[in-house]
Amino acid sequence: MRVTMAVAELPTCYGSSCRRLQDTWSNRWIALCVVVAWHATQHVALPLIFDVRFIAWRFFMFLPLAFFVAAAVQRRGSVLRI
């Protein structure tokens, strides 16, 4: 199940959503930062612990990986043209 989530999550976040936000706002960096922040926010509550410090740590821990994935997808281009 985890493999199918990753296969659907990356094209949706960085393929479809980022491209639509770039077209709407006409600024690629703001659109990319919004998509990266949303992707990091999705992974905050994997182990659901109601502690603000832990949630913030999870967000900032995942943020560099989300930026790396975003840069890789932006550089490589999209396989799926939506």
PDB file of N, CA and C in Angstrom:
ATOM      1  N   MET A   1       0.814  -1.189   0.000  1.00  0.00           N
ATOM      2  CA  MET A   1       0.000   0.000   0.000  1.00  0.00           C
ATOM      3  C   MET A   1       0.866   1.264   0.000  1.00  0.00           C
ATOM      4  N   ARG A   2       1.976   1.246   0.698  1.00  0.00           N
ATOM      5  CA  ARG A   2       2.856   2.414   0.740  1.00  0.00           C
ATOM      6  C   ARG A   2       3.408   2.763  -0.637  1.00  0.00           C
ATOM      7  N   VAL A   3       3.682   1.757  -1.451  1.00  0.00           N
ATOM      8  CA  VAL A   3       4.239   2.018  -2.776  1.00  0.00           C
ATOM      9  C   VAL A   3       3.213   2.738  -3.640  1.00  0.00           C
ATOM     10  N   THR A   4       1.957   2.336  -3.575  1.00  0.00           N
ATOM     11  CA  THR A   4       0.943   2.987  -4.388  1.00  0.00           C
ATOM     12  C   THR A   4       0.679   4.405  -3.915  1.00  0.00           C
ATOM     13  N   MET A   5       0.813   4.656  -2.614  1.00  0.00           N
ATOM     14  CA  MET A   5       0.644   6.021  -2.122  1.00  0.00           C
ATOM     15  C   MET A   5       1.739   6.926  -2.682  1.00  0.00           C
ATOM     16  N   ALA A   6       2.956   6.467  -2.701  1.00  0.00           N
ATOM     17  CA  ALA A   6       4.061   7.279  -3.229  1.00  0.00           C
ATOM     18  C   ALA A   6       3.914   7.499  -4.729  1.00  0.00           C
ATOM     19  N   VAL A   7       3.421   6.512  -5.427  1.00  0.00           N
ATOM     20  CA  VAL A   7       3.245   6.642  -6.869  1.00  0.00           C
ATOM     21  C   VAL A   7       2.165   7.676  -7.177  1.00  0.00           C
ATOM     22  N   ALA A   8       1.161   7.771  -6.336  1.00  0.00           N
ATOM     23  CA  ALA A   8       0.079   8.739  -6.566  1.00  0.00           C
ATOM     24  C   ALA A   8       0.394  10.112  -5.968  1.00  0.00           C
ATOM     25  N   GLU A   9       1.148  10.150  -4.891  1.00  0.00           N
ATOM     26  CA  GLU A   9       1.389  11.399  -4.167  1.00  0.00           C
ATOM     27  C   GLU A   9       2.317  12.351  -4.924  1.00  0.00           C
ATOM     28  N   LEU A  10       3.403  11.861  -5.436  1.00  0.00           N
ATOM     29  CA  LEU A  10       4.371  12.727  -6.105  1.00  0.00           C
ATOM     30  C   LEU A  10       3.836  13.355  -7.388  1.00  0.00           C
ATOM     31  N   PRO A  11       3.188  12.588  -8.276  1.00  0.00           N
ATOM     32  CA  PRO A  11       2.634  13.265  -9.460  1.00  0.00           C
ATOM     33  C   PRO A  11       1.523  14.252  -9.113  1.00  0.00           C
ATOM     34  N   THR A  12       0.755  13.954  -8.082  1.00  0.00           N
ATOM     35  CA  THR A  12      -0.321  14.878  -7.704  1.00  0.00           C
ATOM     36  C   THR A  12       0.251  16.163  -7.131  1.00  0.00           C
ATOM     37  N   CYS A  13       1.192  16.038  -6.196  1.00  0.00           N
ATOM     38  CA  CYS A  13       1.759  17.237  -5.562  1.00  0.00           C
ATOM     39  C   CYS A  13       2.596  18.053  -6.535  1.00  0.00           C
ATOM     40  N   TYR A  14       3.583  17.423  -7.111  1.00  0.00           N
ATOM     41  CA  TYR A  14       4.560  18.167  -7.893  1.00  0.00           C
ATOM     42  C   TYR A  14       4.237  18.231  -9.376  1.00  0.00           C
ATOM     43  N   GLY A  15       3.435  17.314  -9.860  1.00  0.00           N
ATOM     44  CA  GLY A  15       3.083  17.341 -11.264  1.00  0.00           C
ATOM     45  C   GLY A  15       1.893  18.234 -11.535  1.00  0.00           C
ATOM     46  N   SER A  16       0.788  17.922 -10.928  1.00  0.00           N
ATOM     47  CA  SER A  16      -0.454  18.631 -11.218  1.00  0.00           C
ATOM     48  C   SER A  16      -0.592  19.918 -10.413  1.00  0.00           C
ATOM     49  N   SER A  17      -0.472  19.823  -9.090  1.00  0.00           N
ATOM     50  CA  SER A  17      -0.718  20.992  -8.234  1.00  0.00           C
ATOM     51  C   SER A  17       0.300  22.101  -8.451  1.00  0.00           C
ATOM     52  N   CYS A  18       1.565  21.741  -8.528  1.00  0.00           N
ATOM     53  CA  CYS A  18       2.607  22.756  -8.696  1.00  0.00           C
ATOM     54  C   CYS A  18       2.465  23.462 -10.038  1.00  0.00           C
ATOM     55  N   ARG A  19       2.166  22.717 -11.076  1.00  0.00           N
ATOM     56  CA  ARG A  19       2.012  23.324 -12.398  1.00  0.00           C
ATOM     57  C   ARG A  19       0.818  24.273 -12.425  1.00  0.00           C
ATOM     58  N   ARG A  20      -0.282  23.874 -11.804  1.00  0.00           N
ATOM     59  CA  ARG A  20      -1.470  24.738 -11.778  1.00  0.00           C
ATOM     60  C   ARG A  20      -1.228  25.997 -10.952  1.00  0.00           C
ATOM     61  N   LEU A  21      -0.534  25.865  -9.828  1.00  0.00           N
ATOM     62  CA  LEU A  21      -0.221  27.047  -9.023  1.00  0.00           C
ATOM     63  C   LEU A  21       0.744  27.974  -9.757  1.00  0.00           C
ATOM     64  N   GLN A  22       1.692  27.421 -10.494  1.00  0.00           N
ATOM     65  CA  GLN A  22       2.614  28.249 -11.267  1.00  0.00           C
ATOM     66  C   GLN A  22       1.873  29.018 -12.349  1.00  0.00           C
ATOM     67  N   ASP A  23       0.897  28.375 -12.972  1.00  0.00           N
ATOM     68  CA  ASP A  23       0.102  29.068 -13.988  1.00  0.00           C
ATOM     69  C   ASP A  23      -0.772  30.151 -13.367  1.00  0.00           C
ATOM     70  N   THR A  24      -1.300  29.893 -12.180  1.00  0.00           N
ATOM     71  CA  THR A  24      -2.188  30.847 -11.523  1.00  0.00           C
ATOM     72  C   THR A  24      -1.423  32.051 -10.997  1.00  0.00           C
ATOM     73  N   TRP A  25      -0.318  31.800 -10.295  1.00  0.00           N
ATOM     74  CA  TRP A  25       0.416  32.883  -9.640  1.00  0.00           C
ATOM     75  C   TRP A  25       1.524  33.466 -10.505  1.00  0.00           C
ATOM     76  N   SER A  26       1.899  32.799 -11.541  1.00  0.00           N
ATOM     77  CA  SER A  26       2.988  33.185 -12.449  1.00  0.00           C
ATOM     78  C   SER A  26       4.314  33.421 -11.721  1.00  0.00           C
ATOM     79  N   ASN A  27       4.481  32.797 -10.586  1.00  0.00           N
ATOM     80  CA  ASN A  27       5.751  32.822  -9.863  1.00  0.00           C
ATOM     81  C   ASN A  27       6.059  31.400  -9.442  1.00  0.00           C
ATOM     82  N   ARG A  28       7.067  30.821 -10.046  1.00  0.00           N
ATOM     83  CA  ARG A  28       7.329  29.404  -9.829  1.00  0.00           C
ATOM     84  C   ARG A  28       7.864  29.110  -8.432  1.00  0.00           C
ATOM     85  N   TRP A  29       8.601  30.042  -7.832  1.00  0.00           N
ATOM     86  CA  TRP A  29       9.204  29.771  -6.526  1.00  0.00           C
ATOM     87  C   TRP A  29       8.172  29.799  -5.404  1.00  0.00           C
ATOM     88  N   ILE A  30       7.221  30.714  -5.475  1.00  0.00           N
ATOM     89  CA  ILE A  30       6.167  30.741  -4.449  1.00  0.00           C
ATOM     90  C   ILE A  30       5.309  29.490  -4.570  1.00  0.00           C
ATOM     91  N   ALA A  31       4.972  29.117  -5.786  1.00  0.00           N
ATOM     92  CA  ALA A  31       4.174  27.910  -5.998  1.00  0.00           C
ATOM     93  C   ALA A  31       4.916  26.680  -5.492  1.00  0.00           C
ATOM     94  N   LEU A  32       6.203  26.606  -5.751  1.00  0.00           N
ATOM     95  CA  LEU A  32       6.989  25.468  -5.301  1.00  0.00           C
ATOM     96  C   LEU A  32       7.069  25.412  -3.777  1.00  0.00           C
ATOM     97  N   CYS A  33       7.245  26.559  -3.129  1.00  0.00           N
ATOM     98  CA  CYS A  33       7.301  26.587  -1.667  1.00  0.00           C
ATOM     99  C   CYS A  33       5.968  26.192  -1.034  1.00  0.00           C
ATOM    100  N   VAL A  34       4.867  26.603  -1.647  1.00  0.00           N
ATOM    101  CA  VAL A  34       3.550  26.225  -1.126  1.00  0.00           C
ATOM    102  C   VAL A  34       3.338  24.720  -1.251  1.00  0.00           C
ATOM    103  N   VAL A  35       3.705  24.160  -2.375  1.00  0.00           N
ATOM    104  CA  VAL A  35       3.535  22.720  -2.579  1.00  0.00           C
ATOM    105  C   VAL A  35       4.451  21.931  -1.647  1.00  0.00           C
ATOM    106  N   VAL A  36       5.672  22.389  -1.464  1.00  0.00           N
ATOM    107  CA  VAL A  36       6.600  21.715  -0.550  1.00  0.00           C
ATOM    108  C   VAL A  36       6.089  21.787   0.889  1.00  0.00           C
ATOM    109  N   ALA A  37       5.586  22.939   1.299  1.00  0.00           N
ATOM    110  CA  ALA A  37       5.047  23.066   2.662  1.00  0.00           C
ATOM    111  C   ALA A  37       3.832  22.158   2.845  1.00  0.00           C
ATOM    112  N   TRP A  38       2.978  22.071   1.831  1.00  0.00           N
ATOM    113  CA  TRP A  38       1.817  21.196   1.933  1.00  0.00           C
ATOM    114  C   TRP A  38       2.248  19.728   1.999  1.00  0.00           C
ATOM    115  N   HIS A  39       3.236  19.343   1.212  1.00  0.00           N
ATOM    116  CA  HIS A  39       3.734  17.970   1.232  1.00  0.00           C
ATOM    117  C   HIS A  39       4.336  17.632   2.596  1.00  0.00           C
ATOM    118  N   ALA A  40       5.071  18.574   3.170  1.00  0.00           N
ATOM    119  CA  ALA A  40       5.641  18.348   4.504  1.00  0.00           C
ATOM    120  C   ALA A  40       4.544  18.279   5.560  1.00  0.00           C
ATOM    121  N   THR A  41       3.501  19.085   5.421  1.00  0.00           N
ATOM    122  CA  THR A  41       2.399  19.077   6.377  1.00  0.00           C
ATOM    123  C   THR A  41       1.650  17.752   6.338  1.00  0.00           C
ATOM    124  N   GLN A  42       1.558  17.137   5.179  1.00  0.00           N
ATOM    125  CA  GLN A  42       0.896  15.844   5.078  1.00  0.00           C
ATOM    126  C   GLN A  42       1.609  14.776   5.895  1.00  0.00           C
ATOM    127  N   HIS A  43       2.900  14.913   6.062  1.00  0.00           N
ATOM    128  CA  HIS A  43       3.675  13.886   6.754  1.00  0.00           C
ATOM    129  C   HIS A  43       3.944  14.217   8.218  1.00  0.00           C
ATOM    130  N   VAL A  44       3.310  15.234   8.739  1.00  0.00           N
ATOM    131  CA  VAL A  44       3.514  15.622  10.133  1.00  0.00           C
ATOM    132  C   VAL A  44       2.905  14.608  11.088  1.00  0.00           C
ATOM    133  N   ALA A  45       1.747  14.091  10.755  1.00  0.00           N
ATOM    134  CA  ALA A  45       0.990  13.277  11.717  1.00  0.00           C
ATOM    135  C   ALA A  45       1.103  11.784  11.458  1.00  0.00           C
ATOM    136  N   LEU A  46       2.212  11.320  10.920  1.00  0.00           N
ATOM    137  CA  LEU A  46       2.341   9.880  10.716  1.00  0.00           C
ATOM    138  C   LEU A  46       2.300   9.126  12.039  1.00  0.00           C
ATOM    139  N   PRO A  47       3.145   9.391  13.011  1.00  0.00           N
ATOM    140  CA  PRO A  47       2.828   8.904  14.356  1.00  0.00           C
ATOM    141  C   PRO A  47       2.085  10.031  15.069  1.00  0.00           C
ATOM    142  N   LEU A  48       0.795   9.875  15.282  1.00  0.00           N
ATOM    143  CA  LEU A  48      -0.024  10.950  15.827  1.00  0.00           C
ATOM    144  C   LEU A  48       0.253  11.131  17.309  1.00  0.00           C
ATOM    145  N   ILE A  49       1.052  12.126  17.616  1.00  0.00           N
ATOM    146  CA  ILE A  49       1.375  12.493  18.997  1.00  0.00           C
ATOM    147  C   ILE A  49       1.026  13.969  19.143  1.00  0.00           C
ATOM    148  N   PHE A  50       0.135  14.265  20.065  1.00  0.00           N
ATOM    149  CA  PHE A  50      -0.342  15.640  20.230  1.00  0.00           C
ATOM    150  C   PHE A  50       0.641  16.458  21.062  1.00  0.00           C
ATOM    151  N   ASP A  51       1.768  16.754  20.470  1.00  0.00           N
ATOM    152  CA  ASP A  51       2.788  17.578  21.100  1.00  0.00           C
ATOM    153  C   ASP A  51       3.262  18.578  20.042  1.00  0.00           C
ATOM    154  N   VAL A  52       3.143  19.845  20.327  1.00  0.00           N
ATOM    155  CA  VAL A  52       3.465  20.876  19.350  1.00  0.00           C
ATOM    156  C   VAL A  52       4.933  20.819  18.949  1.00  0.00           C
ATOM    157  N   ARG A  53       5.804  20.570  19.903  1.00  0.00           N
ATOM    158  CA  ARG A  53       7.234  20.494  19.583  1.00  0.00           C
ATOM    159  C   ARG A  53       7.536  19.317  18.663  1.00  0.00           C
ATOM    160  N   PHE A  54       6.880  18.179  18.907  1.00  0.00           N
ATOM    161  CA  PHE A  54       7.096  17.002  18.064  1.00  0.00           C
ATOM    162  C   PHE A  54       6.549  17.241  16.654  1.00  0.00           C
ATOM    163  N   ILE A  55       5.381  17.866  16.556  1.00  0.00           N
ATOM    164  CA  ILE A  55       4.795  18.160  15.249  1.00  0.00           C
ATOM    165  C   ILE A  55       5.679  19.131  14.473  1.00  0.00           C
ATOM    166  N   ALA A  56       6.191  20.146  15.144  1.00  0.00           N
ATOM    167  CA  ALA A  56       7.095  21.093  14.482  1.00  0.00           C
ATOM    168  C   ALA A  56       8.385  20.401  14.052  1.00  0.00           C
ATOM    169  N   TRP A  57       8.906  19.520  14.901  1.00  0.00           N
ATOM    170  CA  TRP A  57      10.120  18.780  14.551  1.00  0.00           C
ATOM    171  C   TRP A  57       9.892  17.916  13.320  1.00  0.00           C
ATOM    172  N   ARG A  58       8.740  17.225  13.254  1.00  0.00           N
ATOM    173  CA  ARG A  58       8.419  16.393  12.102  1.00  0.00           C
ATOM    174  C   ARG A  58       8.307  17.237  10.827  1.00  0.00           C
ATOM    175  N   PHE A  59       7.688  18.412  10.933  1.00  0.00           N
ATOM    176  CA  PHE A  59       7.541  19.289   9.771  1.00  0.00           C
ATOM    177  C   PHE A  59       8.902  19.734   9.254  1.00  0.00           C
ATOM    178  N   PHE A  60       9.740  20.236  10.152  1.00  0.00           N
ATOM    179  CA  PHE A  60      11.051  20.736   9.723  1.00  0.00           C
ATOM    180  C   PHE A  60      12.012  19.609   9.366  1.00  0.00           C
ATOM    181  N   MET A  61      11.766  18.408   9.866  1.00  0.00           N
ATOM    182  CA  MET A  61      12.576  17.263   9.492  1.00  0.00           C
ATOM    183  C   MET A  61      12.256  16.834   8.054  1.00  0.00           C
ATOM    184  N   PHE A  62      10.989  16.912   7.673  1.00  0.00           N
ATOM    185  CA  PHE A  62      10.593  16.467   6.347  1.00  0.00           C
ATOM    186  C   PHE A  62      10.806  17.541   5.285  1.00  0.00           C
ATOM    187  N   LEU A  63      10.923  18.781   5.666  1.00  0.00           N
ATOM    188  CA  LEU A  63      11.040  19.897   4.725  1.00  0.00           C
ATOM    189  C   LEU A  63      12.230  19.772   3.765  1.00  0.00           C
ATOM    190  N   PRO A  64      13.451  19.446   4.225  1.00  0.00           N
ATOM    191  CA  PRO A  64      14.561  19.316   3.267  1.00  0.00           C
ATOM    192  C   PRO A  64      14.340  18.206   2.236  1.00  0.00           C
ATOM    193  N   LEU A  65      13.756  17.088   2.663  1.00  0.00           N
ATOM    194  CA  LEU A  65      13.474  16.015   1.710  1.00  0.00           C
ATOM    195  C   LEU A  65      12.435  16.458   0.685  1.00  0.00           C
ATOM    196  N   ALA A  66      11.426  17.193   1.129  1.00  0.00           N
ATOM    197  CA  ALA A  66      10.403  17.684   0.203  1.00  0.00           C
ATOM    198  C   ALA A  66      11.009  18.659  -0.807  1.00  0.00           C
ATOM    199  N   PHE A  67      11.925  19.528  -0.365  1.00  0.00           N
ATOM    200  CA  PHE A  67      12.598  20.434  -1.304  1.00  0.00           C
ATOM    201  C   PHE A  67      13.477  19.656  -2.289  1.00  0.00           C
ATOM    202  N   PHE A  68      14.143  18.617  -1.811  1.00  0.00           N
ATOM    203  CA  PHE A  68      14.968  17.795  -2.696  1.00  0.00           C
ATOM    204  C   PHE A  68      14.119  17.103  -3.753  1.00  0.00           C
ATOM    205  N   VAL A  69      12.998  16.529  -3.334  1.00  0.00           N
ATOM    206  CA  VAL A  69      12.096  15.863  -4.282  1.00  0.00           C
ATOM    207  C   VAL A  69      11.536  16.874  -5.277  1.00  0.00           C
ATOM    208  N   ALA A  70      11.169  18.046  -4.792  1.00  0.00           N
ATOM    209  CA  ALA A  70      10.630  19.081  -5.677  1.00  0.00           C
ATOM    210  C   ALA A  70      11.674  19.508  -6.706  1.00  0.00           C
ATOM    211  N   ALA A  71      12.913  19.688  -6.273  1.00  0.00           N
ATOM    212  CA  ALA A  71      13.971  20.077  -7.204  1.00  0.00           C
ATOM    213  C   ALA A  71      14.230  18.977  -8.229  1.00  0.00           C
ATOM    214  N   ALA A  72      14.199  17.723  -7.786  1.00  0.00           N
ATOM    215  CA  ALA A  72      14.417  16.617  -8.715  1.00  0.00           C
ATOM    216  C   ALA A  72      13.295  16.521  -9.740  1.00  0.00           C
ATOM    217  N   VAL A  73      12.069  16.689  -9.294  1.00  0.00           N
ATOM    218  CA  VAL A  73      10.935  16.617 -10.224  1.00  0.00           C
ATOM    219  C   VAL A  73      10.956  17.809 -11.169  1.00  0.00           C
ATOM    220  N   GLN A  74      11.285  19.001 -10.669  1.00  0.00           N
ATOM    221  CA  GLN A  74      11.349  20.183 -11.537  1.00  0.00           C
ATOM    222  C   GLN A  74      12.460  20.050 -12.572  1.00  0.00           C
ATOM    223  N   ARG A  75      13.570  19.477 -12.185  1.00  0.00           N
ATOM    224  CA  ARG A  75      14.691  19.338 -13.109  1.00  0.00           C
ATOM    225  C   ARG A  75      14.437  18.247 -14.145  1.00  0.00           C
ATOM    226  N   ARG A  76      13.862  17.157 -13.691  1.00  0.00           N
ATOM    227  CA  ARG A  76      13.622  16.024 -14.580  1.00  0.00           C
ATOM    228  C   ARG A  76      12.433  16.262 -15.493  1.00  0.00           C
ATOM    229  N   GLY A  77      11.441  16.956 -14.999  1.00  0.00           N
ATOM    230  CA  GLY A  77      10.218  17.128 -15.782  1.00  0.00           C
ATOM    231  C   GLY A  77       9.217  16.063 -15.420  1.00  0.00           C
ATOM    232  N   SER A  78       8.058  16.175 -15.939  1.00  0.00           N
ATOM    233  CA  SER A  78       6.986  15.265 -15.598  1.00  0.00           C
ATOM    234  C   SER A  78       6.843  14.178 -16.646  1.00  0.00           C
ATOM    235  N   VAL A  79       6.625  12.965 -16.197  1.00  0.00           N
ATOM    236  CA  VAL A  79       6.368  11.876 -17.106  1.00  0.00           C
ATOM    237  C   VAL A  79       4.916  11.940 -17.580  1.00  0.00           C
ATOM    238  N   LEU A  80       4.025  12.307 -16.668  1.00  0.00           N
ATOM    239  CA  LEU A  80       2.608  12.420 -16.986  1.00  0.00           C
ATOM    240  C   LEU A  80       2.282  13.856 -17.348  1.00  0.00           C
ATOM    241  N   ARG A  81       1.780  14.077 -18.514  1.00  0.00           N
ATOM    242  CA  ARG A  81       1.353  15.429 -18.913  1.00  0.00           C
ATOM    243  C   ARG A  81      -0.111  15.576 -18.587  1.00  0.00           C
ATOM    244  N   ILE A  82      -0.400  16.396 -17.599  1.00  0.00           N
ATOM    245  CA  ILE A  82      -1.789  16.592 -17.154  1.00  0.00           C
ATOM    246  C   ILE A  82      -2.286  17.923 -17.655  1.00  0.00           C
TER     247      ILE A  82
END
